[in-house]
Protein backbone atom coordinates (compact mmCIF):
# COMPACT_ATOMS: atom_id res chain seq x y z
CA MET A 1 -61.11 -61.22 37.04
CA PHE A 2 -63.70 -63.04 39.06
CA HIS A 3 -64.97 -65.67 36.80
CA ALA A 4 -67.83 -67.38 38.34
CA SER A 5 -71.77 -68.01 37.71
CA GLY A 6 -74.28 -65.98 39.25
CA GLU A 7 -74.89 -68.46 42.02
CA MET A 8 -71.27 -68.78 42.81
CA TRP A 9 -71.04 -64.99 43.04
CA LYS A 10 -73.84 -65.17 45.62
CA ARG A 11 -72.27 -67.74 47.47
CA ALA A 12 -68.89 -65.76 47.72
CA VAL A 13 -70.87 -62.64 48.69
CA LEU A 14 -72.60 -64.64 51.58
CA ALA A 15 -69.46 -66.40 52.79
CA THR A 16 -67.61 -63.09 52.88
CA LEU A 17 -70.50 -61.48 54.80
CA PHE A 18 -70.53 -64.38 57.26
CA LEU A 19 -66.88 -64.15 57.96
CA VAL A 20 -67.18 -60.28 58.62
CA LEU A 21 -69.99 -60.98 61.12
CA MET A 22 -68.00 -63.37 62.96
CA TYR A 23 -65.07 -61.05 63.07
CA VAL A 24 -67.41 -58.38 64.60
CA TRP A 25 -68.16 -60.77 67.25
CA PHE A 26 -64.56 -61.59 67.86
CA LEU A 27 -64.10 -57.81 68.41
CA LEU A 28 -66.79 -57.67 70.91
CA CYS A 29 -65.19 -60.68 72.88
CA GLU A 30 -61.95 -58.80 72.85
CA ARG A 31 -63.61 -55.64 74.31
CA THR A 32 -65.88 -57.20 76.76
CA VAL A 33 -63.47 -59.98 78.09
CA GLN A 34 -61.14 -58.25 80.42
CA VAL A 35 -60.96 -60.58 83.42
CA PRO A 36 -60.92 -64.04 81.86
CA THR A 37 -62.78 -66.99 83.93
CA TYR A 38 -60.73 -69.60 83.13
CA ILE A 39 -56.61 -69.68 82.92
CA VAL A 40 -55.49 -72.08 80.21
CA TYR A 41 -52.41 -73.93 81.03
CA HIS A 42 -50.76 -77.34 80.54
CA PRO A 43 -47.63 -78.64 82.43
CA LEU A 44 -45.72 -78.91 78.91
CA ASP A 45 -45.80 -74.86 78.98
CA GLN A 46 -43.13 -74.90 81.25
CA ARG A 47 -40.82 -76.89 79.08
CA ILE A 48 -41.38 -74.76 76.14
CA PRO A 49 -38.52 -72.04 75.84
CA PHE A 50 -39.32 -68.45 75.03
CA ILE A 51 -37.83 -67.93 71.49
CA PRO A 52 -38.49 -64.17 70.35
CA GLN A 53 -37.32 -64.83 66.88
CA PHE A 54 -40.76 -67.00 66.36
CA ILE A 55 -42.39 -63.47 66.32
CA ILE A 56 -41.69 -63.68 62.59
CA PRO A 57 -43.72 -66.59 61.89
CA TYR A 58 -46.24 -65.27 64.39
CA TYR A 59 -46.78 -62.19 61.88
CA LEU A 60 -46.23 -64.14 59.05
CA TRP A 61 -49.83 -65.45 59.66
CA TYR A 62 -51.35 -62.34 58.77
CA ALA A 63 -50.19 -62.79 55.24
CA TYR A 64 -50.88 -66.25 54.99
CA ILE A 65 -54.63 -66.20 55.95
CA SER A 66 -55.19 -63.14 53.54
CA ILE A 67 -53.02 -63.59 50.33
CA PRO A 68 -53.96 -67.19 49.34
CA ILE A 69 -57.58 -66.37 50.09
CA ILE A 70 -57.45 -63.43 47.81
CA TRP A 71 -55.49 -65.62 45.33
CA LEU A 72 -58.43 -68.16 45.34
CA PHE A 73 -61.09 -65.68 44.83
CA PHE A 74 -59.56 -64.90 41.40
CA VAL A 75 -58.38 -68.49 40.60
CA SER A 76 -60.85 -70.71 42.01
CA PRO A 77 -64.18 -69.16 43.39
CA GLU A 78 -65.53 -72.47 44.84
CA ASP A 79 -62.38 -72.99 47.10
CA TYR A 80 -62.70 -69.21 47.86
CA VAL A 81 -66.16 -69.97 49.27
CA LYS A 82 -65.28 -73.00 51.16
CA GLY A 83 -62.09 -71.22 52.52
CA MET A 84 -64.26 -68.32 53.77
CA ILE A 85 -66.72 -70.66 55.22
CA PHE A 86 -63.89 -72.43 57.04
CA LEU A 87 -62.63 -69.22 58.51
CA GLY A 88 -66.16 -68.04 59.59
CA MET A 89 -66.78 -71.47 61.14
CA ALA A 90 -63.36 -71.22 63.12
CA LEU A 91 -64.37 -67.81 64.32
CA PHE A 92 -67.91 -68.84 65.06
CA VAL A 93 -66.93 -71.81 67.33
CA SER A 94 -64.17 -69.86 68.87
CA CYS A 95 -66.25 -66.89 69.97
CA LEU A 96 -68.73 -69.27 71.24
CA VAL A 97 -66.09 -70.67 73.63
CA TYR A 98 -64.93 -67.11 74.44
CA THR A 99 -68.36 -65.98 75.34
CA ILE A 100 -69.44 -69.32 77.38
CA ALA A 101 -66.18 -69.65 79.09
CA PRO A 102 -64.00 -66.71 78.80
CA ASN A 103 -60.42 -67.72 79.00
CA GLY A 104 -56.77 -66.42 79.07
CA GLN A 105 -53.20 -67.49 79.71
CA ARG A 106 -50.49 -66.10 82.02
CA LEU A 107 -47.48 -67.45 80.28
CA ARG A 108 -45.79 -64.10 79.19
CA PRO A 109 -42.29 -63.91 80.59
CA ARG A 110 -41.84 -60.82 82.95
CA TYR A 111 -38.49 -59.56 81.42
CA LEU A 112 -37.90 -59.91 77.58
CA GLY A 113 -34.79 -58.11 77.07
CA ASP A 114 -33.98 -55.11 74.78
CA GLY A 115 -33.17 -56.93 71.72
CA PHE A 116 -34.96 -56.21 68.39
CA PHE A 117 -37.13 -59.41 68.48
CA GLU A 118 -37.84 -58.79 72.12
CA ARG A 119 -39.11 -55.33 71.51
CA TRP A 120 -41.10 -56.82 68.66
CA VAL A 121 -42.62 -59.23 71.18
CA ALA A 122 -43.26 -56.48 73.79
CA PHE A 123 -45.14 -54.50 71.31
CA THR A 124 -47.26 -57.45 70.39
CA TYR A 125 -47.97 -57.90 74.15
CA SER A 126 -48.88 -54.13 74.36
CA VAL A 127 -51.57 -54.46 71.71
CA ASP A 128 -52.98 -57.75 72.23
CA SER A 129 -54.34 -59.06 75.47
CA PRO A 130 -53.72 -62.46 76.70
CA ASN A 131 -57.33 -63.42 76.62
CA ASN A 132 -59.67 -65.28 74.24
CA VAL A 133 -56.82 -67.84 73.66
CA SER A 134 -58.45 -71.40 73.43
CA PRO A 135 -59.15 -72.18 70.88
CA SER A 136 -56.29 -70.74 68.92
CA LEU A 137 -57.22 -68.76 65.79
CA HIS A 138 -53.48 -68.75 64.75
CA VAL A 139 -54.08 -72.42 64.51
CA LEU A 140 -57.49 -72.86 63.29
CA ASP A 141 -57.07 -70.11 60.48
CA SER A 142 -53.84 -71.80 59.22
CA ILE A 143 -55.47 -75.13 59.06
CA ALA A 144 -58.30 -73.35 57.15
CA VAL A 145 -56.08 -71.78 54.74
CA HIS A 146 -53.93 -74.72 53.75
CA SER A 147 -57.18 -76.81 53.56
CA ALA A 148 -58.60 -74.37 51.11
CA LEU A 149 -55.47 -74.22 48.99
CA MET A 150 -55.24 -78.02 48.89
CA GLY A 151 -58.93 -78.12 47.85
CA CYS A 152 -57.79 -76.22 44.65
CA ARG A 153 -56.46 -78.56 41.80
CA LYS A 154 -54.16 -75.86 40.26
CA PHE A 155 -52.48 -75.38 43.56
CA ARG A 156 -52.15 -79.04 44.50
CA ARG A 157 -50.29 -79.78 40.92
CA CYS A 158 -47.41 -77.35 42.32
CA ARG A 159 -45.58 -79.42 44.68
CA PRO A 160 -43.15 -76.62 46.12
CA ALA A 161 -46.08 -74.61 46.78
CA VAL A 162 -47.90 -77.32 48.69
CA MET A 163 -44.69 -77.92 50.76
CA ILE A 164 -44.32 -74.21 51.51
CA SER A 165 -48.09 -73.77 52.33
CA ALA A 166 -47.69 -76.75 54.90
CA VAL A 167 -44.31 -75.55 56.46
CA VAL A 168 -45.91 -71.91 56.88
CA CYS A 169 -49.23 -73.50 58.56
CA VAL A 170 -47.15 -75.42 60.83
CA ALA A 171 -44.66 -72.40 61.67
CA CYS A 172 -47.53 -70.05 62.23
CA SER A 173 -49.02 -72.58 64.67
CA ILE A 174 -46.20 -73.41 66.79
CA SER A 175 -45.09 -69.89 66.96
CA THR A 176 -47.68 -69.26 69.27
CA VAL A 177 -46.25 -71.35 72.05
CA PHE A 178 -42.77 -69.90 71.50
CA VAL A 179 -43.50 -66.36 71.90
CA LYS A 180 -45.93 -67.03 74.85
CA GLN A 181 -49.14 -65.87 73.24
CA HIS A 182 -50.60 -69.22 73.60
CA SER A 183 -50.56 -72.46 75.72
CA ILE A 184 -49.70 -75.73 73.98
CA PHE A 185 -53.43 -76.66 75.18
CA ASP A 186 -54.67 -74.33 72.76
CA ILE A 187 -52.98 -76.24 70.05
CA PHE A 188 -54.11 -79.49 71.40
CA VAL A 189 -57.79 -78.08 71.32
CA SER A 190 -57.48 -76.35 67.93
CA ILE A 191 -56.29 -79.29 65.76
CA PRO A 192 -59.14 -81.71 66.48
CA LEU A 193 -61.52 -78.97 66.11
CA GLY A 194 -60.13 -77.97 62.80
CA ALA A 195 -60.33 -81.55 61.75
CA ILE A 196 -63.99 -81.60 62.64
CA ILE A 197 -64.66 -78.44 60.53
CA TRP A 198 -62.72 -79.71 57.80
CA PHE A 199 -64.79 -83.02 57.82
CA GLY A 200 -68.03 -80.95 57.45
CA ILE A 201 -66.80 -78.87 54.72
CA TYR A 202 -64.89 -81.19 52.78
CA GLY A 203 -65.12 -84.80 54.03
CA ILE A 204 -68.95 -85.18 54.03
CA PRO A 205 -69.51 -83.76 50.48
CA ARG A 206 -66.91 -86.10 49.23
CA MET A 207 -68.40 -88.99 51.05
CA ILE A 208 -71.89 -88.08 49.41
CA LYS A 209 -70.25 -87.73 45.96
CA TYR A 210 -68.72 -91.17 46.28
CA ARG A 211 -71.83 -92.74 47.50
CA ARG A 212 -73.81 -91.36 44.51
CA GLU A 213 -70.88 -92.72 42.03
CA HIS A 214 -70.59 -96.10 44.03
CA PRO A 215 -74.10 -97.07 45.22
CA GLY A 216 -72.98 -100.45 46.29
CA TYR A 217 -69.78 -99.45 48.28
CA ARG A 218 -69.29 -100.58 52.01
CA LEU A 219 -65.96 -99.94 53.72
CA ARG A 220 -64.08 -98.65 50.52
CA GLN A 221 -61.83 -95.61 50.47
CA TRP A 222 -64.42 -92.97 49.49
CA PHE A 223 -62.01 -89.94 49.45
CA ARG A 224 -58.30 -89.12 49.42
CA PHE A 225 -57.43 -87.36 52.61
CA LYS A 226 -55.66 -84.16 51.25
CA PHE A 227 -55.28 -82.03 54.22
């Protein structure tokens, strides 16, 4: 059951609605951006091999951004709200970029092969356009979920769960370049962007709380970086 105050319940509903609205915006971007204005590319892309087996962590992302958030809904409503806001802000900034500077990538290999993983990648290519790639939602959303989980005290106490979440977060992020769904430039953009959003949701409130508890502080360590 969802055990929370009336105010927290309202916040949860509003945060969920915010994410839904941002997702609708994303779908509109997907439908309207057919020919990207900018092609994303970095010289390192040519040195990154195509490894079709990475389609597994690429799809694991869907479970990673949904199951932990649902778990937080029941276990820690406050962290659920923060996670939903993080996901919503990631979509908001990404869609803003997609709208102002429509972008895409042209890194997909021409010949994939006929193995199981190659066919899986081919199916992915057929249902997902190579547009709206930078920033990468795979990376941003993975950061958002891991941050939300790390904000939950109950989750942090389980060290194996923390390690698993960190590994999945990284695997989902780097899988995008090995299956040629993203340029490594998208990762370079998404990580600092995720850090900025993290600071707004987690860092600033901790700083404010520390200042209230320590009025005379100067250059002290006012929060522990738990990302």
